[in-house]
All heavy atoms as atom14 arrays in JSON, in Angstrom:
{
  "sequence": "NLETETDKLIQIVLVGQPELEKKLSRPELRQLNQRITVRYHLRSM",
  "atom14_mask": [
    [1, 1, 1, 1, 1, 1, 1, 1, 0, 0, 0, 0, 0, 0],
    [1, 1, 1, 1, 1, 1, 1, 1, 0, 0, 0, 0, 0, 0],
    [1, 1, 1, 1, 1, 1, 1, 1, 1, 0, 0, 0, 0, 0],
    [1, 1, 1, 1, 1, 1, 1, 0, 0, 0, 0, 0, 0, 0],
    [1, 1, 1, 1, 1, 1, 1, 1, 1, 0, 0, 0, 0, 0],
    [1, 1, 1, 1, 1, 1, 1, 0, 0, 0, 0, 0, 0, 0],
    [1, 1, 1, 1, 1, 1, 1, 1, 0, 0, 0, 0, 0, 0],
    [1, 1, 1, 1, 1, 1, 1, 1, 1, 0, 0, 0, 0, 0],
    [1, 1, 1, 1, 1, 1, 1, 1, 0, 0, 0, 0, 0, 0],
    [1, 1, 1, 1, 1, 1, 1, 1, 0, 0, 0, 0, 0, 0],
    [1, 1, 1, 1, 1, 1, 1, 1, 1, 0, 0, 0, 0, 0],
    [1, 1, 1, 1, 1, 1, 1, 1, 0, 0, 0, 0, 0, 0],
    [1, 1, 1, 1, 1, 1, 1, 0, 0, 0, 0, 0, 0, 0],
    [1, 1, 1, 1, 1, 1, 1, 1, 0, 0, 0, 0, 0, 0],
    [1, 1, 1, 1, 1, 1, 1, 0, 0, 0, 0, 0, 0, 0],
    [1, 1, 1, 1, 0, 0, 0, 0, 0, 0, 0, 0, 0, 0],
    [1, 1, 1, 1, 1, 1, 1, 1, 1, 0, 0, 0, 0, 0],
    [1, 1, 1, 1, 1, 1, 1, 0, 0, 0, 0, 0, 0, 0],
    [1, 1, 1, 1, 1, 1, 1, 1, 1, 0, 0, 0, 0, 0],
    [1, 1, 1, 1, 1, 1, 1, 1, 0, 0, 0, 0, 0, 0],
    [1, 1, 1, 1, 1, 1, 1, 1, 1, 0, 0, 0, 0, 0],
    [1, 1, 1, 1, 1, 1, 1, 1, 1, 0, 0, 0, 0, 0],
    [1, 1, 1, 1, 1, 1, 1, 1, 1, 0, 0, 0, 0, 0],
    [1, 1, 1, 1, 1, 1, 1, 1, 0, 0, 0, 0, 0, 0],
    [1, 1, 1, 1, 1, 1, 0, 0, 0, 0, 0, 0, 0, 0],
    [1, 1, 1, 1, 1, 1, 1, 1, 1, 1, 1, 0, 0, 0],
    [1, 1, 1, 1, 1, 1, 1, 0, 0, 0, 0, 0, 0, 0],
    [1, 1, 1, 1, 1, 1, 1, 1, 1, 0, 0, 0, 0, 0],
    [1, 1, 1, 1, 1, 1, 1, 1, 0, 0, 0, 0, 0, 0],
    [1, 1, 1, 1, 1, 1, 1, 1, 1, 1, 1, 0, 0, 0],
    [1, 1, 1, 1, 1, 1, 1, 1, 1, 0, 0, 0, 0, 0],
    [1, 1, 1, 1, 1, 1, 1, 1, 0, 0, 0, 0, 0, 0],
    [1, 1, 1, 1, 1, 1, 1, 1, 0, 0, 0, 0, 0, 0],
    [1, 1, 1, 1, 1, 1, 1, 1, 1, 0, 0, 0, 0, 0],
    [1, 1, 1, 1, 1, 1, 1, 1, 1, 1, 1, 0, 0, 0],
    [1, 1, 1, 1, 1, 1, 1, 1, 0, 0, 0, 0, 0, 0],
    [1, 1, 1, 1, 1, 1, 1, 0, 0, 0, 0, 0, 0, 0],
    [1, 1, 1, 1, 1, 1, 1, 0, 0, 0, 0, 0, 0, 0],
    [1, 1, 1, 1, 1, 1, 1, 1, 1, 1, 1, 0, 0, 0],
    [1, 1, 1, 1, 1, 1, 1, 1, 1, 1, 1, 1, 0, 0],
    [1, 1, 1, 1, 1, 1, 1, 1, 1, 1, 0, 0, 0, 0],
    [1, 1, 1, 1, 1, 1, 1, 1, 0, 0, 0, 0, 0, 0],
    [1, 1, 1, 1, 1, 1, 1, 1, 1, 1, 1, 0, 0, 0],
    [1, 1, 1, 1, 1, 1, 0, 0, 0, 0, 0, 0, 0, 0],
    [1, 1, 1, 1, 1, 1, 1, 1, 0, 0, 0, 0, 0, 0]
  ],
  "atom14_positions": [
    [[-62.15, 148.18, -89.62], [-62.23, 149.64, -89.56], [-60.85, 150.29, -89.72], [-60.75, 151.5, -89.87], [-62.84, 150.09, -88.23], [-64.32, 149.74, -88.14], [-64.98, 149.57, -89.16], [-64.83, 149.63, -86.93], [0.0, 0.0, 0.0], [0.0, 0.0, 0.0], [0.0, 0.0, 0.0], [0.0, 0.0, 0.0], [0.0, 0.0, 0.0], [0.0, 0.0, 0.0]],
    [[-59.79, 149.47, -89.63], [-58.45, 149.99, -89.84], [-58.25, 150.16, -91.34], [-58.0, 149.19, -92.06], [-57.41, 149.03, -89.25], [-57.57, 148.7, -87.76], [-56.57, 147.65, -87.33], [-57.43, 149.95, -86.91], [0.0, 0.0, 0.0], [0.0, 0.0, 0.0], [0.0, 0.0, 0.0], [0.0, 0.0, 0.0], [0.0, 0.0, 0.0], [0.0, 0.0, 0.0]],
    [[-58.39, 151.39, -91.83], [-58.36, 151.63, -93.26], [-57.9, 153.05, -93.54], [-57.84, 153.91, -92.65], [-59.76, 151.42, -93.86], [-60.82, 152.28, -93.23], [-62.22, 151.94, -93.71], [-62.37, 151.04, -94.53], [-63.17, 152.61, -93.27], [0.0, 0.0, 0.0], [0.0, 0.0, 0.0], [0.0, 0.0, 0.0], [0.0, 0.0, 0.0], [0.0, 0.0, 0.0]],
    [[-57.52, 153.29, -94.78], [-57.21, 154.64, -95.23], [-58.47, 155.2, -95.89], [-59.51, 154.56, -95.92], [-56.05, 154.62, -96.24], [-56.47, 153.92, -97.41], [-54.83, 153.92, -95.65], [0.0, 0.0, 0.0], [0.0, 0.0, 0.0], [0.0, 0.0, 0.0], [0.0, 0.0, 0.0], [0.0, 0.0, 0.0], [0.0, 0.0, 0.0], [0.0, 0.0, 0.0]],
    [[-58.35, 156.38, -96.45], [-59.5, 156.98, -97.1], [-59.91, 156.22, -98.36], [-61.05, 156.3, -98.8], [-59.19, 158.45, -97.46], [-59.02, 159.35, -96.24], [-58.74, 160.79, -96.64], [-58.6, 161.04, -97.85], [-58.65, 161.64, -95.74], [0.0, 0.0, 0.0], [0.0, 0.0, 0.0], [0.0, 0.0, 0.0], [0.0, 0.0, 0.0], [0.0, 0.0, 0.0]],
    [[-58.95, 155.48, -98.93], [-59.23, 154.83, -100.22], [-59.1, 153.32, -100.2], [-59.43, 152.67, -101.2], [-58.28, 155.38, -101.29], [-56.93, 155.12, -100.88], [-58.48, 156.88, -101.48], [0.0, 0.0, 0.0], [0.0, 0.0, 0.0], [0.0, 0.0, 0.0], [0.0, 0.0, 0.0], [0.0, 0.0, 0.0], [0.0, 0.0, 0.0], [0.0, 0.0, 0.0]],
    [[-58.63, 152.73, -99.09], [-58.3, 151.32, -99.17], [-58.46, 150.63, -97.82], [-58.31, 151.25, -96.76], [-56.84, 151.15, -99.64], [-56.6, 149.79, -100.27], [-57.56, 149.02, -100.4], [-55.44, 149.5, -100.62], [0.0, 0.0, 0.0], [0.0, 0.0, 0.0], [0.0, 0.0, 0.0], [0.0, 0.0, 0.0], [0.0, 0.0, 0.0], [0.0, 0.0, 0.0]],
    [[-58.78, 149.33, -97.88], [-58.8, 148.49, -96.69], [-57.37, 148.06, -96.39], [-56.66, 147.57, -97.27], [-59.67, 147.26, -96.92], [-61.16, 147.55, -97.09], [-61.8, 147.93, -95.77], [-63.31, 148.11, -95.91], [-63.92, 148.57, -94.64], [0.0, 0.0, 0.0], [0.0, 0.0, 0.0], [0.0, 0.0, 0.0], [0.0, 0.0, 0.0], [0.0, 0.0, 0.0]],
    [[-56.95, 148.21, -95.15], [-55.57, 147.9, -94.77], [-55.35, 146.42, -94.53], [-54.21, 145.95, -94.56], [-55.16, 148.69, -93.53], [-55.03, 150.21, -93.7], [-54.67, 150.86, -92.38], [-53.99, 150.54, -94.76], [0.0, 0.0, 0.0], [0.0, 0.0, 0.0], [0.0, 0.0, 0.0], [0.0, 0.0, 0.0], [0.0, 0.0, 0.0], [0.0, 0.0, 0.0]],
    [[-56.42, 145.66, -94.27], [-56.27, 144.24, -93.98], [-57.39, 143.47, -94.68], [-58.56, 143.88, -94.66], [-56.28, 143.96, -92.46], [-55.99, 142.48, -92.18], [-57.56, 144.41, -91.8], [-55.71, 142.19, -90.71], [0.0, 0.0, 0.0], [0.0, 0.0, 0.0], [0.0, 0.0, 0.0], [0.0, 0.0, 0.0], [0.0, 0.0, 0.0], [0.0, 0.0, 0.0]],
    [[-57.02, 142.37, -95.31], [-57.99, 141.48, -95.98], [-58.22, 140.28, -95.07], [-57.26, 139.6, -94.69], [-57.47, 141.03, -97.34], [-56.91, 142.16, -98.2], [-57.88, 143.31, -98.36], [-59.04, 143.11, -98.72], [-57.41, 144.52, -98.09], [0.0, 0.0, 0.0], [0.0, 0.0, 0.0], [0.0, 0.0, 0.0], [0.0, 0.0, 0.0], [0.0, 0.0, 0.0]],
    [[-59.46, 140.03, -94.7], [-59.78, 138.99, -93.73], [-60.58, 137.88, -94.42], [-61.63, 138.13, -95.02], [-60.59, 139.56, -92.55], [-59.77, 140.66, -91.86], [-60.94, 138.47, -91.55], [-60.52, 141.41, -90.77], [0.0, 0.0, 0.0], [0.0, 0.0, 0.0], [0.0, 0.0, 0.0], [0.0, 0.0, 0.0], [0.0, 0.0, 0.0], [0.0, 0.0, 0.0]],
    [[-60.04, 136.66, -94.35], [-60.69, 135.49, -94.97], [-61.21, 134.59, -93.86], [-60.43, 134.09, -93.03], [-59.7, 134.71, -95.86], [-60.41, 133.54, -96.53], [-59.06, 135.63, -96.9], [0.0, 0.0, 0.0], [0.0, 0.0, 0.0], [0.0, 0.0, 0.0], [0.0, 0.0, 0.0], [0.0, 0.0, 0.0], [0.0, 0.0, 0.0], [0.0, 0.0, 0.0]],
    [[-62.51, 134.39, -93.8], [-63.14, 133.5, -92.83], [-63.46, 132.18, -93.53], [-64.2, 132.15, -94.51], [-64.43, 134.12, -92.28], [-64.28, 135.46, -91.54], [-65.64, 136.0, -91.14], [-63.39, 135.3, -90.31], [0.0, 0.0, 0.0], [0.0, 0.0, 0.0], [0.0, 0.0, 0.0], [0.0, 0.0, 0.0], [0.0, 0.0, 0.0], [0.0, 0.0, 0.0]],
    [[-62.89, 131.09, -93.02], [-63.08, 129.77, -93.61], [-63.7, 128.85, -92.57], [-63.23, 128.79, -91.43], [-61.73, 129.18, -94.09], [-61.94, 127.83, -94.75], [-61.02, 130.13, -95.04], [0.0, 0.0, 0.0], [0.0, 0.0, 0.0], [0.0, 0.0, 0.0], [0.0, 0.0, 0.0], [0.0, 0.0, 0.0], [0.0, 0.0, 0.0], [0.0, 0.0, 0.0]],
    [[-64.76, 128.14, -92.94], [-65.39, 127.28, -91.95], [-66.43, 126.36, -92.57], [-66.64, 126.34, -93.79], [0.0, 0.0, 0.0], [0.0, 0.0, 0.0], [0.0, 0.0, 0.0], [0.0, 0.0, 0.0], [0.0, 0.0, 0.0], [0.0, 0.0, 0.0], [0.0, 0.0, 0.0], [0.0, 0.0, 0.0], [0.0, 0.0, 0.0], [0.0, 0.0, 0.0]],
    [[-67.08, 125.62, -91.71], [-68.14, 124.7, -92.12], [-69.44, 125.48, -92.31], [-69.51, 126.66, -91.94], [-68.26, 123.59, -91.09], [-67.02, 122.7, -91.04], [-66.91, 121.88, -89.8], [-67.91, 121.58, -89.15], [-65.68, 121.5, -89.44], [0.0, 0.0, 0.0], [0.0, 0.0, 0.0], [0.0, 0.0, 0.0], [0.0, 0.0, 0.0], [0.0, 0.0, 0.0]],
    [[-70.49, 124.86, -92.88], [-71.73, 125.6, -93.18], [-72.34, 126.33, -91.98], [-73.08, 127.3, -92.16], [-72.66, 124.5, -93.7], [-71.75, 123.48, -94.29], [-70.54, 123.47, -93.4], [0.0, 0.0, 0.0], [0.0, 0.0, 0.0], [0.0, 0.0, 0.0], [0.0, 0.0, 0.0], [0.0, 0.0, 0.0], [0.0, 0.0, 0.0], [0.0, 0.0, 0.0]],
    [[-72.0, 125.86, -90.77], [-72.52, 126.55, -89.57], [-72.06, 128.0, -89.5], [-72.7, 128.83, -88.86], [-72.07, 125.8, -88.31], [-72.75, 124.45, -88.09], [-72.18, 123.36, -88.97], [-71.13, 123.6, -89.62], [-72.76, 122.26, -89.01], [0.0, 0.0, 0.0], [0.0, 0.0, 0.0], [0.0, 0.0, 0.0], [0.0, 0.0, 0.0], [0.0, 0.0, 0.0]],
    [[-70.95, 128.32, -90.17], [-70.47, 129.7, -90.18], [-71.48, 130.61, -90.86], [-71.75, 131.72, -90.38], [-69.11, 129.76, -90.9], [-68.55, 131.16, -91.15], [-68.29, 131.88, -89.83], [-67.27, 131.08, -91.98], [0.0, 0.0, 0.0], [0.0, 0.0, 0.0], [0.0, 0.0, 0.0], [0.0, 0.0, 0.0], [0.0, 0.0, 0.0], [0.0, 0.0, 0.0]],
    [[-72.05, 130.15, -91.98], [-73.04, 130.95, -92.7], [-74.26, 131.22, -91.82], [-74.79, 132.34, -91.79], [-73.45, 130.22, -93.98], [-74.45, 130.95, -94.84], [-73.85, 132.16, -95.52], [-72.63, 132.16, -95.78], [-74.6, 133.13, -95.76], [0.0, 0.0, 0.0], [0.0, 0.0, 0.0], [0.0, 0.0, 0.0], [0.0, 0.0, 0.0], [0.0, 0.0, 0.0]],
    [[-74.7, 130.18, -91.08], [-75.85, 130.36, -90.19], [-75.54, 131.34, -89.07], [-76.37, 132.17, -88.7], [-76.25, 129.01, -89.6], [-76.71, 127.98, -90.63], [-77.0, 126.63, -89.98], [-77.38, 125.58, -91.03], [-77.58, 124.24, -90.42], [0.0, 0.0, 0.0], [0.0, 0.0, 0.0], [0.0, 0.0, 0.0], [0.0, 0.0, 0.0], [0.0, 0.0, 0.0]],
    [[-74.32, 131.24, -88.54], [-73.94, 132.14, -87.44], [-73.89, 133.58, -87.91], [-74.33, 134.51, -87.21], [-72.59, 131.71, -86.87], [-72.13, 132.5, -85.66], [-70.92, 131.86, -84.99], [-71.31, 130.6, -84.23], [-70.19, 130.07, -83.41], [0.0, 0.0, 0.0], [0.0, 0.0, 0.0], [0.0, 0.0, 0.0], [0.0, 0.0, 0.0], [0.0, 0.0, 0.0]],
    [[-73.38, 133.81, -89.12], [-73.27, 135.17, -89.64], [-74.62, 135.79, -89.96], [-74.75, 137.01, -90.06], [-72.39, 135.18, -90.89], [-70.9, 134.9, -90.67], [-70.19, 134.74, -92.01], [-70.24, 136.0, -89.85], [0.0, 0.0, 0.0], [0.0, 0.0, 0.0], [0.0, 0.0, 0.0], [0.0, 0.0, 0.0], [0.0, 0.0, 0.0], [0.0, 0.0, 0.0]],
    [[-75.65, 134.94, -90.13], [-76.98, 135.46, -90.45], [-77.74, 135.93, -89.21], [-78.86, 136.43, -89.32], [-77.8, 134.39, -91.17], [-78.03, 133.27, -90.32], [0.0, 0.0, 0.0], [0.0, 0.0, 0.0], [0.0, 0.0, 0.0], [0.0, 0.0, 0.0], [0.0, 0.0, 0.0], [0.0, 0.0, 0.0], [0.0, 0.0, 0.0], [0.0, 0.0, 0.0]],
    [[-77.13, 135.79, -88.01], [-77.78, 136.27, -86.8], [-77.93, 137.8, -86.85], [-77.07, 138.5, -87.38], [-76.96, 135.89, -85.56], [-76.89, 134.4, -85.29], [-76.09, 134.16, -84.02], [-75.95, 132.73, -83.72], [-75.33, 132.25, -82.65], [-74.8, 133.08, -81.77], [-75.24, 130.95, -82.46], [0.0, 0.0, 0.0], [0.0, 0.0, 0.0], [0.0, 0.0, 0.0]],
    [[-79.02, 138.32, -86.26], [-79.25, 139.77, -86.29], [-78.1, 140.58, -85.7], [-77.75, 141.64, -86.23], [-80.54, 139.94, -85.47], [-81.23, 138.62, -85.58], [-80.15, 137.6, -85.64], [0.0, 0.0, 0.0], [0.0, 0.0, 0.0], [0.0, 0.0, 0.0], [0.0, 0.0, 0.0], [0.0, 0.0, 0.0], [0.0, 0.0, 0.0], [0.0, 0.0, 0.0]],
    [[-77.5, 140.08, -84.61], [-76.43, 140.87, -83.97], [-75.15, 140.92, -84.79], [-74.24, 141.69, -84.48], [-76.13, 140.31, -82.57], [-75.54, 138.9, -82.55], [-76.59, 137.81, -82.41], [-77.73, 138.07, -82.86], [-76.27, 136.74, -81.86], [0.0, 0.0, 0.0], [0.0, 0.0, 0.0], [0.0, 0.0, 0.0], [0.0, 0.0, 0.0], [0.0, 0.0, 0.0]],
    [[-75.07, 140.08, -85.85], [-73.88, 140.07, -86.7], [-74.17, 140.62, -88.1], [-73.39, 140.41, -89.02], [-73.31, 138.65, -86.81], [-72.74, 138.05, -85.53], [-72.33, 136.6, -85.75], [-71.55, 138.86, -85.03], [0.0, 0.0, 0.0], [0.0, 0.0, 0.0], [0.0, 0.0, 0.0], [0.0, 0.0, 0.0], [0.0, 0.0, 0.0], [0.0, 0.0, 0.0]],
    [[-75.28, 141.34, -88.23], [-75.67, 141.8, -89.57], [-74.65, 142.79, -90.15], [-74.44, 142.84, -91.36], [-77.07, 142.42, -89.53], [-77.21, 143.66, -88.66], [-78.67, 144.12, -88.63], [-78.86, 145.3, -87.81], [-78.97, 145.29, -86.48], [-78.94, 144.12, -85.83], [-79.13, 146.4, -85.81], [0.0, 0.0, 0.0], [0.0, 0.0, 0.0], [0.0, 0.0, 0.0]],
    [[-74.0, 143.61, -89.27], [-73.01, 144.56, -89.81], [-71.84, 143.82, -90.44], [-71.36, 144.19, -91.52], [-72.51, 145.47, -88.69], [-73.55, 146.44, -88.17], [-72.94, 147.45, -87.22], [-72.04, 148.19, -87.57], [-73.43, 147.48, -85.98], [0.0, 0.0, 0.0], [0.0, 0.0, 0.0], [0.0, 0.0, 0.0], [0.0, 0.0, 0.0], [0.0, 0.0, 0.0]],
    [[-71.37, 142.76, -89.78], [-70.29, 141.97, -90.35], [-70.75, 141.26, -91.62], [-70.04, 141.24, -92.64], [-69.8, 140.94, -89.32], [-68.81, 139.88, -89.83], [-67.56, 140.54, -90.39], [-68.44, 138.91, -88.71], [0.0, 0.0, 0.0], [0.0, 0.0, 0.0], [0.0, 0.0, 0.0], [0.0, 0.0, 0.0], [0.0, 0.0, 0.0], [0.0, 0.0, 0.0]],
    [[-71.95, 140.68, -91.57], [-72.48, 139.94, -92.72], [-72.58, 140.84, -93.95], [-72.31, 140.41, -95.07], [-73.84, 139.36, -92.37], [-74.21, 138.17, -93.23], [-73.34, 137.49, -93.76], [-75.49, 137.93, -93.39], [0.0, 0.0, 0.0], [0.0, 0.0, 0.0], [0.0, 0.0, 0.0], [0.0, 0.0, 0.0], [0.0, 0.0, 0.0], [0.0, 0.0, 0.0]],
    [[-72.95, 142.09, -93.73], [-73.09, 143.01, -94.86], [-71.75, 143.42, -95.45], [-71.67, 143.83, -96.61], [-73.86, 144.27, -94.41], [-75.32, 144.0, -94.09], [-75.98, 145.16, -93.35], [-75.36, 146.2, -93.11], [-77.25, 144.98, -92.98], [0.0, 0.0, 0.0], [0.0, 0.0, 0.0], [0.0, 0.0, 0.0], [0.0, 0.0, 0.0], [0.0, 0.0, 0.0]],
    [[-70.67, 143.28, -94.68], [-69.35, 143.69, -95.17], [-68.67, 142.6, -96.0], [-67.66, 142.85, -96.63], [-68.45, 144.07, -93.99], [-68.88, 145.33, -93.29], [-67.79, 145.86, -92.39], [-68.21, 147.04, -91.66], [-67.41, 147.81, -90.95], [-66.12, 147.5, -90.88], [-67.86, 148.87, -90.32], [0.0, 0.0, 0.0], [0.0, 0.0, 0.0], [0.0, 0.0, 0.0]],
    [[-69.21, 141.38, -95.95], [-68.61, 140.29, -96.71], [-69.05, 140.41, -98.16], [-70.22, 140.2, -98.5], [-69.01, 138.93, -96.13], [-68.52, 138.81, -94.69], [-68.43, 137.79, -96.97], [-69.0, 137.56, -93.97], [0.0, 0.0, 0.0], [0.0, 0.0, 0.0], [0.0, 0.0, 0.0], [0.0, 0.0, 0.0], [0.0, 0.0, 0.0], [0.0, 0.0, 0.0]],
    [[-68.12, 140.77, -99.03], [-68.45, 141.03, -100.43], [-68.13, 139.85, -101.35], [-68.62, 139.8, -102.48], [-67.69, 142.27, -100.93], [-66.29, 142.08, -100.7], [-68.14, 143.51, -100.18], [0.0, 0.0, 0.0], [0.0, 0.0, 0.0], [0.0, 0.0, 0.0], [0.0, 0.0, 0.0], [0.0, 0.0, 0.0], [0.0, 0.0, 0.0], [0.0, 0.0, 0.0]],
    [[-67.3, 138.91, -100.89], [-66.97, 137.74, -101.7], [-67.29, 136.49, -100.89], [-66.77, 136.32, -99.78], [-65.48, 137.74, -102.11], [-65.15, 136.49, -102.91], [-65.14, 138.98, -102.92], [0.0, 0.0, 0.0], [0.0, 0.0, 0.0], [0.0, 0.0, 0.0], [0.0, 0.0, 0.0], [0.0, 0.0, 0.0], [0.0, 0.0, 0.0], [0.0, 0.0, 0.0]],
    [[-68.15, 135.64, -101.41], [-68.54, 134.41, -100.72], [-68.44, 133.24, -101.68], [-68.67, 133.38, -102.88], [-69.98, 134.48, -100.2], [-70.29, 135.62, -99.25], [-71.77, 135.61, -98.9], [-72.17, 136.79, -98.18], [-72.24, 136.89, -96.86], [-71.92, 135.84, -96.12], [-72.62, 138.01, -96.28], [0.0, 0.0, 0.0], [0.0, 0.0, 0.0], [0.0, 0.0, 0.0]],
    [[-68.11, 132.08, -101.12], [-68.12, 130.86, -101.93], [-68.36, 129.66, -101.02], [-67.75, 129.54, -99.95], [-66.79, 130.67, -102.67], [-66.87, 129.58, -103.72], [-67.25, 129.89, -105.02], [-66.59, 128.26, -103.41], [-67.35, 128.9, -106.0], [-66.68, 127.26, -104.38], [-67.07, 127.58, -105.66], [-67.18, 126.61, -106.61], [0.0, 0.0, 0.0], [0.0, 0.0, 0.0]],
    [[-69.27, 128.78, -101.46], [-69.52, 127.53, -100.73], [-68.89, 126.4, -101.53], [-69.29, 126.13, -102.67], [-71.01, 127.29, -100.55], [-71.3, 126.0, -99.81], [-71.05, 125.85, -98.47], [-71.81, 124.82, -100.24], [-71.38, 124.62, -98.1], [-71.85, 123.98, -99.17], [0.0, 0.0, 0.0], [0.0, 0.0, 0.0], [0.0, 0.0, 0.0], [0.0, 0.0, 0.0]],
    [[-67.89, 125.76, -100.94], [-67.16, 124.68, -101.61], [-67.97, 123.4, -101.55], [-68.22, 122.87, -100.46], [-65.79, 124.5, -100.96], [-64.87, 123.45, -101.58], [-64.58, 123.78, -103.03], [-63.58, 123.34, -100.78], [0.0, 0.0, 0.0], [0.0, 0.0, 0.0], [0.0, 0.0, 0.0], [0.0, 0.0, 0.0], [0.0, 0.0, 0.0], [0.0, 0.0, 0.0]],
    [[-68.34, 122.9, -102.69], [-69.12, 121.65, -102.77], [-68.21, 120.46, -103.04], [-67.06, 120.62, -103.43], [-70.2, 121.77, -103.86], [-71.27, 122.8, -103.53], [-72.25, 122.96, -104.68], [-73.35, 123.85, -104.3], [-73.26, 125.18, -104.31], [-72.13, 125.77, -104.67], [-74.29, 125.92, -103.96], [0.0, 0.0, 0.0], [0.0, 0.0, 0.0], [0.0, 0.0, 0.0]],
    [[-68.75, 119.3, -102.82], [-67.98, 118.07, -103.09], [-67.77, 117.9, -104.6], [-68.44, 118.55, -105.41], [-68.7, 116.86, -102.52], [-70.02, 116.78, -103.04], [0.0, 0.0, 0.0], [0.0, 0.0, 0.0], [0.0, 0.0, 0.0], [0.0, 0.0, 0.0], [0.0, 0.0, 0.0], [0.0, 0.0, 0.0], [0.0, 0.0, 0.0], [0.0, 0.0, 0.0]],
    [[-66.84, 117.03, -104.96], [-66.5, 116.82, -106.37], [-67.6, 116.05, -107.09], [-68.27, 115.21, -106.48], [-65.18, 116.07, -106.49], [-63.98, 116.84, -105.98], [-62.39, 116.02, -106.28], [-62.49, 114.66, -105.12], [0.0, 0.0, 0.0], [0.0, 0.0, 0.0], [0.0, 0.0, 0.0], [0.0, 0.0, 0.0], [0.0, 0.0, 0.0], [0.0, 0.0, 0.0]]
  ]
}
């Protein structure tokens, strides 16, 4: 929420295991989940 009228003041990168995706899908975290605009799941080679 720390932002100007035109820009986000801080870029936050959440890195974790697949359990992070499950945790973010909880109803009480839907506001945060909706704010994540770039996602990537790193697969094995």
